[in-house]
């Protein structure tokens, strides 16, 4: 092969490589599928900056029909949310909702062009979408020192029959698929009795690979005349268990241990569920898989040690059978 021909082939290969690289989106969603009436853990991956400049702001738009969106704080970045009314009311885990977060912004950080990072939020895909549809989450990426070209809007949505790869700045999309019946945790209908207490539907969320914490949930009813107190919880897979509270302050979720145990009032009940009071199992020795059953123990001030069986629901589930609006991972 002559030097001229070799050089021509090299230039052609380089040209194709550069064209393919230019077509790669800066902003993509890690999870490409979701189901109607189920939780979605959105992980926006910023793959590189703008023409070599560092990314300083990321804004994701929450589309109509995706409800209950909550962002995950990110160290070194400031978090802000925009709230607005939905076009209609949607059924959520806690009743009808007609407004919520419509945009989430992380700003003030610096993500180098040669670095990759993730920006996470939780939300619920409503039944506004049927299997086969695609939901698009437009993302704005702002970079430093770019002047009037500092913002790239990854917001293009393909028309019917159009190949998304033909778009210059495509919006990240999530394909809606039917929920899988297999792998959902089985739920026992009969509560566990312990003196005056009834322990109902204890369940855990499955964990992604490498996770060191897992969330646990249960409803405790006290039919007696004396109050009791949940002191601790444990499972064999965890080094220790704690009781945590969850609150929203300025659009940011904050979690803290419940000191001194959790009171269960006489003649009342306490529900530990996503987005509120919950169990936190830390220092996991192994992951939890959807569909498994985990033997655990709840320790009460009056009722003592109570063996329970936790059903493991899918990652991000909002209920023991896998139902879900947007929520915090734990």
C-alpha atoms as a PDB file:
ATOM      1  CA  UNK A   1       0.000   0.000   0.000  1.00  0.00           C
ATOM      2  CA  UNK A   2       1.419   3.391  -0.954  1.00  0.00           C
ATOM      3  CA  UNK A   3       2.060   6.116   1.586  1.00  0.00           C
ATOM      4  CA  UNK A   4      -0.524   8.336  -0.110  1.00  0.00           C
ATOM      5  CA  UNK A   5      -3.222   5.663   0.080  1.00  0.00           C
ATOM      6  CA  UNK A   6      -2.321   4.855   3.680  1.00  0.00           C
ATOM      7  CA  UNK A   7      -2.559   8.527   4.601  1.00  0.00           C
ATOM      8  CA  UNK A   8      -5.927   8.877   2.867  1.00  0.00           C
ATOM      9  CA  UNK A   9      -7.336   5.883   4.762  1.00  0.00           C
ATOM     10  CA  UNK A  10      -5.993   7.258   8.025  1.00  0.00           C
ATOM     11  CA  UNK A  11      -7.624  10.641   7.426  1.00  0.00           C
ATOM     12  CA  UNK A  12     -10.925   9.007   6.484  1.00  0.00           C
ATOM     13  CA  UNK A  13     -10.875   6.857   9.632  1.00  0.00           C
ATOM     14  CA  UNK A  14     -10.051   9.875  11.780  1.00  0.00           C
ATOM     15  CA  UNK A  15     -12.880  11.850  10.177  1.00  0.00           C
ATOM     16  CA  UNK A  16     -15.398   9.093  10.894  1.00  0.00           C
ATOM     17  CA  UNK A  17     -14.174   8.784  14.477  1.00  0.00           C
ATOM     18  CA  UNK A  18     -14.503  12.506  15.089  1.00  0.00           C
ATOM     19  CA  UNK A  19     -17.996  12.544  13.556  1.00  0.00           C
ATOM     20  CA  UNK A  20     -19.093   9.666  15.772  1.00  0.00           C
ATOM     21  CA  UNK A  21     -17.638  11.365  18.845  1.00  0.00           C
ATOM     22  CA  UNK A  22     -19.431  14.602  18.032  1.00  0.00           C
ATOM     23  CA  UNK A  23     -22.718  12.719  17.844  1.00  0.00           C
ATOM     24  CA  UNK A  24     -22.383  11.370  21.376  1.00  0.00           C
ATOM     25  CA  UNK A  25     -24.621  13.226  23.810  1.00  0.00           C
ATOM     26  CA  UNK A  26     -23.068  15.074  26.731  1.00  0.00           C
ATOM     27  CA  UNK A  27     -26.108  14.280  28.897  1.00  0.00           C
ATOM     28  CA  UNK A  28     -27.622  10.802  29.119  1.00  0.00           C
ATOM     29  CA  UNK A  29     -29.829   8.909  31.561  1.00  0.00           C
ATOM     30  CA  UNK A  30     -28.314   5.808  33.115  1.00  0.00           C
ATOM     31  CA  UNK A  31     -31.650   4.008  33.403  1.00  0.00           C
ATOM     32  CA  UNK A  32     -33.277   3.662  30.014  1.00  0.00           C
ATOM     33  CA  UNK A  33     -36.535   1.951  31.068  1.00  0.00           C
ATOM     34  CA  UNK A  34     -39.351   2.629  33.542  1.00  0.00           C
ATOM     35  CA  UNK A  35     -42.882   1.367  34.181  1.00  0.00           C
ATOM     36  CA  UNK A  36     -46.204   3.204  34.641  1.00  0.00           C
ATOM     37  CA  UNK A  37     -47.211   3.816  38.269  1.00  0.00           C
ATOM     38  CA  UNK A  38     -43.698   3.006  39.447  1.00  0.00           C
ATOM     39  CA  UNK A  39     -40.705   4.785  40.883  1.00  0.00           C
ATOM     40  CA  UNK A  40     -37.944   6.004  38.614  1.00  0.00           C
ATOM     41  CA  UNK A  41     -34.442   6.774  39.828  1.00  0.00           C
ATOM     42  CA  UNK A  42     -33.140   9.273  37.323  1.00  0.00           C
ATOM     43  CA  UNK A  43     -29.363   9.440  37.055  1.00  0.00           C
ATOM     44  CA  UNK A  44     -28.236  12.151  34.621  1.00  0.00           C
ATOM     45  CA  UNK A  45     -24.710  11.388  33.471  1.00  0.00           C
ATOM     46  CA  UNK A  46     -22.639  14.304  32.179  1.00  0.00           C
ATOM     47  CA  UNK A  47     -20.079  12.695  29.924  1.00  0.00           C
ATOM     48  CA  UNK A  48     -17.896  15.720  29.105  1.00  0.00           C
ATOM     49  CA  UNK A  49     -17.891  19.505  29.007  1.00  0.00           C
ATOM     50  CA  UNK A  50     -18.445  22.013  26.204  1.00  0.00           C
ATOM     51  CA  UNK A  51     -15.538  22.343  23.765  1.00  0.00           C
ATOM     52  CA  UNK A  52     -13.073  21.560  26.533  1.00  0.00           C
ATOM     53  CA  UNK A  53     -14.672  23.817  29.168  1.00  0.00           C
ATOM     54  CA  UNK A  54     -15.840  22.623  32.601  1.00  0.00           C
ATOM     55  CA  UNK A  55     -19.542  22.118  33.369  1.00  0.00           C
ATOM     56  CA  UNK A  56     -20.815  24.459  36.092  1.00  0.00           C
ATOM     57  CA  UNK A  57     -24.587  23.919  36.002  1.00  0.00           C
ATOM     58  CA  UNK A  58     -26.937  21.056  35.180  1.00  0.00           C
ATOM     59  CA  UNK A  59     -30.727  21.547  34.958  1.00  0.00           C
ATOM     60  CA  UNK A  60     -33.137  18.703  34.261  1.00  0.00           C
ATOM     61  CA  UNK A  61     -36.746  19.410  33.272  1.00  0.00           C
ATOM     62  CA  UNK A  62     -39.351  17.070  34.754  1.00  0.00           C
ATOM     63  CA  UNK A  63     -41.925  16.393  32.014  1.00  0.00           C
ATOM     64  CA  UNK A  64     -45.687  16.411  32.477  1.00  0.00           C
ATOM     65  CA  UNK A  65     -46.889  13.069  33.802  1.00  0.00           C
ATOM     66  CA  UNK A  66     -43.776  12.495  35.923  1.00  0.00           C
ATOM     67  CA  UNK A  67     -44.710  13.436  39.488  1.00  0.00           C
ATOM     68  CA  UNK A  68     -43.302  13.728  42.972  1.00  0.00           C
ATOM     69  CA  UNK A  69     -39.789  14.549  41.763  1.00  0.00           C
ATOM     70  CA  UNK A  70     -37.178  14.971  44.503  1.00  0.00           C
ATOM     71  CA  UNK A  71     -33.498  15.730  43.922  1.00  0.00           C
ATOM     72  CA  UNK A  72     -30.536  14.168  45.670  1.00  0.00           C
ATOM     73  CA  UNK A  73     -28.127  16.771  47.112  1.00  0.00           C
ATOM     74  CA  UNK A  74     -24.618  16.686  45.675  1.00  0.00           C
ATOM     75  CA  UNK A  75     -21.542  17.753  47.678  1.00  0.00           C
ATOM     76  CA  UNK A  76     -19.926  20.847  46.225  1.00  0.00           C
ATOM     77  CA  UNK A  77     -23.031  21.854  44.265  1.00  0.00           C
ATOM     78  CA  UNK A  78     -25.953  24.106  45.180  1.00  0.00           C
ATOM     79  CA  UNK A  79     -29.395  22.589  44.729  1.00  0.00           C
ATOM     80  CA  UNK A  80     -32.540  24.419  43.595  1.00  0.00           C
ATOM     81  CA  UNK A  81     -35.964  23.296  42.430  1.00  0.00           C
ATOM     82  CA  UNK A  82     -38.713  24.949  40.402  1.00  0.00           C
ATOM     83  CA  UNK A  83     -42.277  24.054  41.324  1.00  0.00           C
ATOM     84  CA  UNK A  84     -45.442  24.453  39.312  1.00  0.00           C
ATOM     85  CA  UNK A  85     -48.910  23.129  38.629  1.00  0.00           C
ATOM     86  CA  UNK A  86     -49.491  19.950  36.664  1.00  0.00           C
ATOM     87  CA  UNK A  87     -51.810  20.010  33.660  1.00  0.00           C
ATOM     88  CA  UNK A  88     -54.082  17.676  35.598  1.00  0.00           C
ATOM     89  CA  UNK A  89     -54.256  15.886  38.945  1.00  0.00           C
ATOM     90  CA  UNK A  90     -52.439  12.555  39.236  1.00  0.00           C
ATOM     91  CA  UNK A  91     -52.928   9.698  41.632  1.00  0.00           C
ATOM     92  CA  UNK A  92     -49.931   9.273  43.941  1.00  0.00           C
ATOM     93  CA  UNK A  93     -49.121   6.936  46.814  1.00  0.00           C
ATOM     94  CA  UNK A  94     -50.493   9.576  49.202  1.00  0.00           C
ATOM     95  CA  UNK A  95     -53.558  10.659  47.193  1.00  0.00           C
ATOM     96  CA  UNK A  96     -54.176  13.084  44.328  1.00  0.00           C
ATOM     97  CA  UNK A  97     -51.467  15.641  43.517  1.00  0.00           C
ATOM     98  CA  UNK A  98     -51.837  18.631  41.209  1.00  0.00           C
ATOM     99  CA  UNK A  99     -48.461  20.336  41.578  1.00  0.00           C
ATOM    100  CA  UNK A 100     -44.839  19.472  42.164  1.00  0.00           C
ATOM    101  CA  UNK A 101     -41.246  19.945  41.065  1.00  0.00           C
ATOM    102  CA  UNK A 102     -40.937  20.755  37.352  1.00  0.00           C
ATOM    103  CA  UNK A 103     -37.190  21.425  37.169  1.00  0.00           C
ATOM    104  CA  UNK A 104     -34.100  20.622  39.236  1.00  0.00           C
ATOM    105  CA  UNK A 105     -30.823  22.561  39.082  1.00  0.00           C
ATOM    106  CA  UNK A 106     -27.388  21.723  40.429  1.00  0.00           C
ATOM    107  CA  UNK A 107     -25.006  24.690  40.156  1.00  0.00           C
ATOM    108  CA  UNK A 108     -21.823  26.183  41.572  1.00  0.00           C
ATOM    109  CA  UNK A 109     -19.636  23.135  41.061  1.00  0.00           C
ATOM    110  CA  UNK A 110     -17.022  22.444  38.430  1.00  0.00           C
ATOM    111  CA  UNK A 111     -16.909  19.241  36.401  1.00  0.00           C
ATOM    112  CA  UNK A 112     -13.890  19.101  34.134  1.00  0.00           C
ATOM    113  CA  UNK A 113     -14.171  18.239  30.464  1.00  0.00           C
ATOM    114  CA  UNK A 114     -12.144  15.062  31.073  1.00  0.00           C
ATOM    115  CA  UNK A 115     -14.367  13.972  33.994  1.00  0.00           C
ATOM    116  CA  UNK A 116     -17.718  12.195  34.301  1.00  0.00           C
ATOM    117  CA  UNK A 117     -20.284  12.686  37.057  1.00  0.00           C
ATOM    118  CA  UNK A 118     -23.895  11.884  37.935  1.00  0.00           C
ATOM    119  CA  UNK A 119     -26.826  14.018  39.100  1.00  0.00           C
ATOM    120  CA  UNK A 120     -29.630  12.017  40.712  1.00  0.00           C
ATOM    121  CA  UNK A 121     -33.334  12.545  41.296  1.00  0.00           C
ATOM    122  CA  UNK A 122     -36.298  10.335  42.176  1.00  0.00           C
ATOM    123  CA  UNK A 123     -39.779  10.578  40.691  1.00  0.00           C
ATOM    124  CA  UNK A 124     -42.846   8.526  39.838  1.00  0.00           C
ATOM    125  CA  UNK A 125     -43.897   7.698  36.312  1.00  0.00           C
ATOM    126  CA  UNK A 126     -47.680   8.136  36.252  1.00  0.00           C
ATOM    127  CA  UNK A 127     -50.156   6.102  34.233  1.00  0.00           C
ATOM    128  CA  UNK A 128     -50.189   9.011  31.783  1.00  0.00           C
ATOM    129  CA  UNK A 129     -47.697   6.897  29.827  1.00  0.00           C
ATOM    130  CA  UNK A 130     -48.377   3.474  28.309  1.00  0.00           C
ATOM    131  CA  UNK A 131     -45.808   0.777  27.529  1.00  0.00           C
ATOM    132  CA  UNK A 132     -44.068   1.569  24.261  1.00  0.00           C
ATOM    133  CA  UNK A 133     -43.967   5.333  24.851  1.00  0.00           C
ATOM    134  CA  UNK A 134     -40.781   7.294  25.490  1.00  0.00           C
ATOM    135  CA  UNK A 135     -40.548  10.024  28.127  1.00  0.00           C
ATOM    136  CA  UNK A 136     -37.976  12.746  27.476  1.00  0.00           C
ATOM    137  CA  UNK A 137     -36.150  14.693  30.185  1.00  0.00           C
ATOM    138  CA  UNK A 138     -34.576  17.815  28.633  1.00  0.00           C
ATOM    139  CA  UNK A 139     -31.246  18.740  30.213  1.00  0.00           C
ATOM    140  CA  UNK A 140     -29.406  22.067  30.142  1.00  0.00           C
ATOM    141  CA  UNK A 141     -25.642  21.949  30.561  1.00  0.00           C
ATOM    142  CA  UNK A 142     -23.840  25.209  31.278  1.00  0.00           C
ATOM    143  CA  UNK A 143     -20.079  25.515  30.928  1.00  0.00           C
ATOM    144  CA  UNK A 144     -17.620  28.140  32.134  1.00  0.00           C
ATOM    145  CA  UNK A 145     -15.965  30.683  29.857  1.00  0.00           C
ATOM    146  CA  UNK A 146     -18.149  30.063  26.808  1.00  0.00           C
ATOM    147  CA  UNK A 147     -19.800  33.481  26.532  1.00  0.00           C
ATOM    148  CA  UNK A 148     -23.083  33.366  24.632  1.00  0.00           C
ATOM    149  CA  UNK A 149     -22.406  29.679  23.867  1.00  0.00           C
ATOM    150  CA  UNK A 150     -22.181  28.708  27.525  1.00  0.00           C
ATOM    151  CA  UNK A 151     -25.480  26.765  27.602  1.00  0.00           C
ATOM    152  CA  UNK A 152     -26.144  23.592  25.654  1.00  0.00           C
ATOM    153  CA  UNK A 153     -29.776  22.461  25.685  1.00  0.00           C
ATOM    154  CA  UNK A 154     -30.116  18.721  25.269  1.00  0.00           C
ATOM    155  CA  UNK A 155     -33.788  19.087  24.422  1.00  0.00           C
ATOM    156  CA  UNK A 156     -34.430  17.856  20.888  1.00  0.00           C
ATOM    157  CA  UNK A 157     -37.192  15.228  20.698  1.00  0.00           C
ATOM    158  CA  UNK A 158     -37.390  13.028  17.584  1.00  0.00           C
ATOM    159  CA  UNK A 159     -40.449  13.279  15.376  1.00  0.00           C
ATOM    160  CA  UNK A 160     -42.417  10.168  14.438  1.00  0.00           C
ATOM    161  CA  UNK A 161     -40.141   7.887  12.427  1.00  0.00           C
ATOM    162  CA  UNK A 162     -37.054  10.011  13.029  1.00  0.00           C
ATOM    163  CA  UNK A 163     -33.848   8.387  14.298  1.00  0.00           C
ATOM    164  CA  UNK A 164     -32.790  10.044  17.595  1.00  0.00           C
ATOM    165  CA  UNK A 165     -29.144   9.574  16.540  1.00  0.00           C
ATOM    166  CA  UNK A 166     -29.741  12.072  13.734  1.00  0.00           C
ATOM    167  CA  UNK A 167     -30.390  14.849  16.255  1.00  0.00           C
ATOM    168  CA  UNK A 168     -27.579  17.224  17.190  1.00  0.00           C
ATOM    169  CA  UNK A 169     -28.659  17.773  20.812  1.00  0.00           C
ATOM    170  CA  UNK A 170     -31.124  14.970  21.705  1.00  0.00           C
ATOM    171  CA  UNK A 171     -33.020  14.996  24.997  1.00  0.00           C
ATOM    172  CA  UNK A 172     -32.341  11.961  27.205  1.00  0.00           C
ATOM    173  CA  UNK A 173     -35.232   9.516  26.934  1.00  0.00           C
ATOM    174  CA  UNK A 174     -36.741   6.725  29.029  1.00  0.00           C
ATOM    175  CA  UNK A 175     -38.721   3.949  27.363  1.00  0.00           C
ATOM    176  CA  UNK A 176     -41.896   2.885  29.168  1.00  0.00           C
ATOM    177  CA  UNK A 177     -42.234  -0.868  29.602  1.00  0.00           C
ATOM    178  CA  UNK A 178     -44.830  -3.044  31.310  1.00  0.00           C
ATOM    179  CA  UNK A 179     -44.090  -3.830  34.938  1.00  0.00           C
ATOM    180  CA  UNK A 180     -42.628  -7.268  35.505  1.00  0.00           C
ATOM    181  CA  UNK A 181     -44.621  -9.488  37.808  1.00  0.00           C
ATOM    182  CA  UNK A 182     -41.647 -11.732  38.486  1.00  0.00           C
ATOM    183  CA  UNK A 183     -39.196 -10.594  41.108  1.00  0.00           C
ATOM    184  CA  UNK A 184     -41.687  -8.567  43.128  1.00  0.00           C
ATOM    185  CA  UNK A 185     -41.617  -9.366  46.789  1.00  0.00           C
ATOM    186  CA  UNK A 186     -44.389 -11.495  48.196  1.00  0.00           C
ATOM    187  CA  UNK A 187     -46.317  -9.794  50.982  1.00  0.00           C
ATOM    188  CA  UNK A 188     -47.767 -11.683  53.918  1.00  0.00           C
ATOM    189  CA  UNK A 189     -51.360 -10.699  54.703  1.00  0.00           C
ATOM    190  CA  UNK A 190     -51.232 -11.840  58.330  1.00  0.00           C
ATOM    191  CA  UNK A 191     -49.502  -9.429  60.761  1.00  0.00           C
ATOM    192  CA  UNK A 192     -47.015 -10.700  63.331  1.00  0.00           C
ATOM    193  CA  UNK A 193     -48.420 -10.511  66.879  1.00  0.00           C
ATOM    194  CA  UNK A 194     -46.219  -9.591  69.850  1.00  0.00           C
ATOM    195  CA  UNK A 195     -48.214  -8.889  72.995  1.00  0.00           C
ATOM    196  CA  UNK A 196     -50.309  -5.805  72.278  1.00  0.00           C
ATOM    197  CA  UNK A 197     -48.428  -5.080  69.067  1.00  0.00           C
ATOM    198  CA  UNK A 198     -49.261  -6.065  65.488  1.00  0.00           C
ATOM    199  CA  UNK A 199     -46.335  -5.901  63.049  1.00  0.00           C
ATOM    200  CA  UNK A 200     -47.641  -5.481  59.480  1.00  0.00           C
ATOM    201  CA  UNK A 201     -45.914  -5.850  56.075  1.00  0.00           C
ATOM    202  CA  UNK A 202     -42.235  -5.483  56.980  1.00  0.00           C
ATOM    203  CA  UNK A 203     -40.284  -4.949  53.760  1.00  0.00           C
ATOM    204  CA  UNK A 204     -36.942  -3.801  52.411  1.00  0.00           C
ATOM    205  CA  UNK A 205     -35.778  -2.206  49.197  1.00  0.00           C
ATOM    206  CA  UNK A 206     -33.415  -4.192  46.996  1.00  0.00           C
ATOM    207  CA  UNK A 207     -29.965  -2.620  46.740  1.00  0.00           C
ATOM    208  CA  UNK A 208     -27.779  -1.841  43.714  1.00  0.00           C
ATOM    209  CA  UNK A 209     -24.353  -3.446  43.455  1.00  0.00           C
ATOM    210  CA  UNK A 210     -21.864  -2.161  46.018  1.00  0.00           C
ATOM    211  CA  UNK A 211     -24.479  -0.415  48.193  1.00  0.00           C
ATOM    212  CA  UNK A 212     -23.675  -0.258  51.895  1.00  0.00           C
ATOM    213  CA  UNK A 213     -27.100   0.824  53.171  1.00  0.00           C
ATOM    214  CA  UNK A 214     -30.673  -0.415  52.755  1.00  0.00           C
ATOM    215  CA  UNK A 215     -34.051   1.062  53.713  1.00  0.00           C
ATOM    216  CA  UNK A 216     -36.622  -0.874  55.719  1.00  0.00           C
ATOM    217  CA  UNK A 217     -40.315  -0.203  56.335  1.00  0.00           C
ATOM    218  CA  UNK A 218     -43.086  -1.576  58.542  1.00  0.00           C
ATOM    219  CA  UNK A 219     -46.387  -0.583  60.165  1.00  0.00           C
ATOM    220  CA  UNK A 220     -46.738  -1.138  63.924  1.00  0.00           C
ATOM    221  CA  UNK A 221     -50.130  -1.031  65.663  1.00  0.00           C
ATOM    222  CA  UNK A 222     -50.516  -0.974  69.453  1.00  0.00           C
ATOM    223  CA  UNK A 223     -53.924  -2.238  70.618  1.00  0.00           C
ATOM    224  CA  UNK A 224     -52.965  -2.109  74.321  1.00  0.00           C
ATOM    225  CA  UNK A 225     -53.509   0.498  77.013  1.00  0.00           C
ATOM    226  CA  UNK A 226     -49.782   1.161  77.499  1.00  0.00           C
ATOM    227  CA  UNK A 227     -47.388   2.832  75.042  1.00  0.00           C
ATOM    228  CA  UNK A 228     -44.387   0.945  73.723  1.00  0.00           C
ATOM    229  CA  UNK A 229     -41.211   2.015  71.963  1.00  0.00           C
ATOM    230  CA  UNK A 230     -39.281   0.558  69.010  1.00  0.00           C
ATOM    231  CA  UNK A 231     -35.644   0.610  70.103  1.00  0.00           C
ATOM    232  CA  UNK A 232     -33.761  -1.059  67.257  1.00  0.00           C
ATOM    233  CA  UNK A 233     -33.876  -3.386  64.250  1.00  0.00           C
ATOM    234  CA  UNK A 234     -31.441  -5.846  62.734  1.00  0.00           C
ATOM    235  CA  UNK A 235     -30.937  -8.180  59.776  1.00  0.00           C
ATOM    236  CA  UNK A 236     -28.039 -10.625  59.288  1.00  0.00           C
ATOM    237  CA  UNK A 237     -26.802  -8.817  56.157  1.00  0.00           C
ATOM    238  CA  UNK A 238     -26.269  -5.534  58.036  1.00  0.00           C
ATOM    239  CA  UNK A 239     -23.671  -4.482  60.579  1.00  0.00           C
ATOM    240  CA  UNK A 240     -26.165  -2.289  62.411  1.00  0.00           C
ATOM    241  CA  UNK A 241     -29.673  -0.898  62.141  1.00  0.00           C
ATOM    242  CA  UNK A 242     -31.014   2.538  63.018  1.00  0.00           C
ATOM    243  CA  UNK A 243     -34.369   4.323  63.029  1.00  0.00           C
ATOM    244  CA  UNK A 244     -34.330   7.471  60.896  1.00  0.00           C
ATOM    245  CA  UNK A 245     -36.644  10.393  60.227  1.00  0.00           C
ATOM    246  CA  UNK A 246     -36.950  12.176  56.886  1.00  0.00           C
ATOM    247  CA  UNK A 247     -37.879  15.828  56.471  1.00  0.00           C
ATOM    248  CA  UNK A 248     -37.953  18.359  53.644  1.00  0.00           C
ATOM    249  CA  UNK A 249     -36.273  21.724  54.258  1.00  0.00           C
ATOM    250  CA  UNK A 250     -36.176  24.237  51.443  1.00  0.00           C
ATOM    251  CA  UNK A 251     -36.743  21.530  48.846  1.00  0.00           C
ATOM    252  CA  UNK A 252     -33.883  19.408  50.209  1.00  0.00           C
ATOM    253  CA  UNK A 253     -34.431  16.078  51.944  1.00  0.00           C
ATOM    254  CA  UNK A 254     -32.699  15.685  55.298  1.00  0.00           C
ATOM    255  CA  UNK A 255     -32.341  12.489  57.267  1.00  0.00           C
ATOM    256  CA  UNK A 256     -31.463  12.047  60.948  1.00  0.00           C
ATOM    257  CA  UNK A 257     -31.431   9.195  63.499  1.00  0.00           C
ATOM    258  CA  UNK A 258     -34.345   9.036  65.942  1.00  0.00           C
ATOM    259  CA  UNK A 259     -32.713   9.238  69.357  1.00  0.00           C
ATOM    260  CA  UNK A 260     -34.117   7.155  72.188  1.00  0.00           C
ATOM    261  CA  UNK A 261     -36.311   4.955  69.998  1.00  0.00           C
ATOM    262  CA  UNK A 262     -39.646   5.461  68.271  1.00  0.00           C
ATOM    263  CA  UNK A 263     -42.784   5.779  70.387  1.00  0.00           C
ATOM    264  CA  UNK A 264     -45.764   3.556  69.532  1.00  0.00           C
ATOM    265  CA  UNK A 265     -48.732   5.156  71.349  1.00  0.00           C
ATOM    266  CA  UNK A 266     -51.381   3.133  73.158  1.00  0.00           C
ATOM    267  CA  UNK A 267     -54.323   2.545  70.838  1.00  0.00           C
ATOM    268  CA  UNK A 268     -52.400   3.974  67.905  1.00  0.00           C
ATOM    269  CA  UNK A 269     -50.075   2.987  65.103  1.00  0.00           C
ATOM    270  CA  UNK A 270     -46.841   4.144  63.496  1.00  0.00           C
ATOM    271  CA  UNK A 271     -46.083   3.701  59.784  1.00  0.00           C
ATOM    272  CA  UNK A 272     -42.469   3.577  58.676  1.00  0.00           C
ATOM    273  CA  UNK A 273     -42.526   4.254  54.932  1.00  0.00           C
ATOM    274  CA  UNK A 274     -40.528   5.907  52.142  1.00  0.00           C
ATOM    275  CA  UNK A 275     -40.233   9.659  52.516  1.00  0.00           C
ATOM    276  CA  UNK A 276     -40.784   9.602  56.296  1.00  0.00           C
ATOM    277  CA  UNK A 277     -39.821   7.498  59.288  1.00  0.00           C
ATOM    278  CA  UNK A 278     -37.911   4.395  58.198  1.00  0.00           C
ATOM    279  CA  UNK A 279     -35.356   1.803  59.231  1.00  0.00           C
ATOM    280  CA  UNK A 280     -31.808   2.222  57.971  1.00  0.00           C
ATOM    281  CA  UNK A 281     -29.590  -0.848  57.768  1.00  0.00           C
ATOM    282  CA  UNK A 282     -25.938   0.144  57.475  1.00  0.00           C
ATOM    283  CA  UNK A 283     -22.622  -1.597  56.744  1.00  0.00           C
ATOM    284  CA  UNK A 284     -24.222  -4.164  54.430  1.00  0.00           C
ATOM    285  CA  UNK A 285     -22.169  -7.321  54.020  1.00  0.00           C
ATOM    286  CA  UNK A 286     -24.123  -8.421  50.948  1.00  0.00           C
ATOM    287  CA  UNK A 287     -26.759  -6.959  48.654  1.00  0.00           C
ATOM    288  CA  UNK A 288     -30.520  -7.492  48.854  1.00  0.00           C
ATOM    289  CA  UNK A 289     -32.312  -8.882  45.799  1.00  0.00           C
ATOM    290  CA  UNK A 290     -35.958  -8.330  44.863  1.00  0.00           C
ATOM    291  CA  UNK A 291     -38.120 -11.342  45.580  1.00  0.00           C
ATOM    292  CA  UNK A 292     -36.018 -12.565  48.500  1.00  0.00           C
ATOM    293  CA  UNK A 293     -37.163 -12.890  52.106  1.00  0.00           C
ATOM    294  CA  UNK A 294     -34.901 -11.686  54.915  1.00  0.00           C
ATOM    295  CA  UNK A 295     -35.232 -12.773  58.529  1.00  0.00           C
ATOM    296  CA  UNK A 296     -34.848  -9.886  60.963  1.00  0.00           C
ATOM    297  CA  UNK A 297     -35.562  -8.731  64.491  1.00  0.00           C
ATOM    298  CA  UNK A 298     -37.357  -5.709  65.925  1.00  0.00           C
ATOM    299  CA  UNK A 299     -36.603  -4.829  69.542  1.00  0.00           C
ATOM    300  CA  UNK A 300     -39.262  -3.056  71.640  1.00  0.00           C
ATOM    301  CA  UNK A 301     -39.111  -1.577  75.115  1.00  0.00           C
ATOM    302  CA  UNK A 302     -42.085  -3.619  76.397  1.00  0.00           C
ATOM    303  CA  UNK A 303     -42.702  -6.334  73.804  1.00  0.00           C
ATOM    304  CA  UNK A 304     -39.005  -7.293  73.675  1.00  0.00           C
ATOM    305  CA  UNK A 305     -37.398  -9.005  70.672  1.00  0.00           C
ATOM    306  CA  UNK A 306     -39.840  -9.771  67.859  1.00  0.00           C
ATOM    307  CA  UNK A 307     -38.723 -11.940  64.885  1.00  0.00           C
ATOM    308  CA  UNK A 308     -40.055 -10.658  61.542  1.00  0.00           C
ATOM    309  CA  UNK A 309     -39.675 -11.603  57.894  1.00  0.00           C
ATOM    310  CA  UNK A 310     -38.858  -8.735  55.560  1.00  0.00           C
ATOM    311  CA  UNK A 311     -39.981  -9.080  51.929  1.00  0.00           C
ATOM    312  CA  UNK A 312     -37.520  -7.486  49.489  1.00  0.00           C
ATOM    313  CA  UNK A 313     -39.164  -5.220  46.895  1.00  0.00           C
ATOM    314  CA  UNK A 314     -37.453  -3.822  43.766  1.00  0.00           C
ATOM    315  CA  UNK A 315     -34.950  -0.965  43.896  1.00  0.00           C
ATOM    316  CA  UNK A 316     -36.793   2.336  44.344  1.00  0.00           C
ATOM    317  CA  UNK A 317     -40.126   0.686  45.214  1.00  0.00           C
ATOM    318  CA  UNK A 318     -42.561   2.804  47.185  1.00  0.00           C
ATOM    319  CA  UNK A 319     -44.488  -0.145  48.582  1.00  0.00           C
ATOM    320  CA  UNK A 320     -43.910  -3.799  49.424  1.00  0.00           C
ATOM    321  CA  UNK A 321     -45.336  -4.925  46.099  1.00  0.00           C
ATOM    322  CA  UNK A 322     -43.288  -2.486  44.030  1.00  0.00           C
ATOM    323  CA  UNK A 323     -45.724   0.475  43.797  1.00  0.00           C
ATOM    324  CA  UNK A 324     -43.944   3.784  43.776  1.00  0.00           C
ATOM    325  CA  UNK A 325     -43.980   7.543  43.479  1.00  0.00           C
ATOM    326  CA  UNK A 326     -40.722   9.465  43.487  1.00  0.00           C
ATOM    327  CA  UNK A 327     -38.881   9.176  46.760  1.00  0.00           C
ATOM    328  CA  UNK A 328     -35.559   9.132  48.523  1.00  0.00           C
ATOM    329  CA  UNK A 329     -33.542   6.010  48.032  1.00  0.00           C
ATOM    330  CA  UNK A 330     -33.734   5.047  51.670  1.00  0.00           C
END
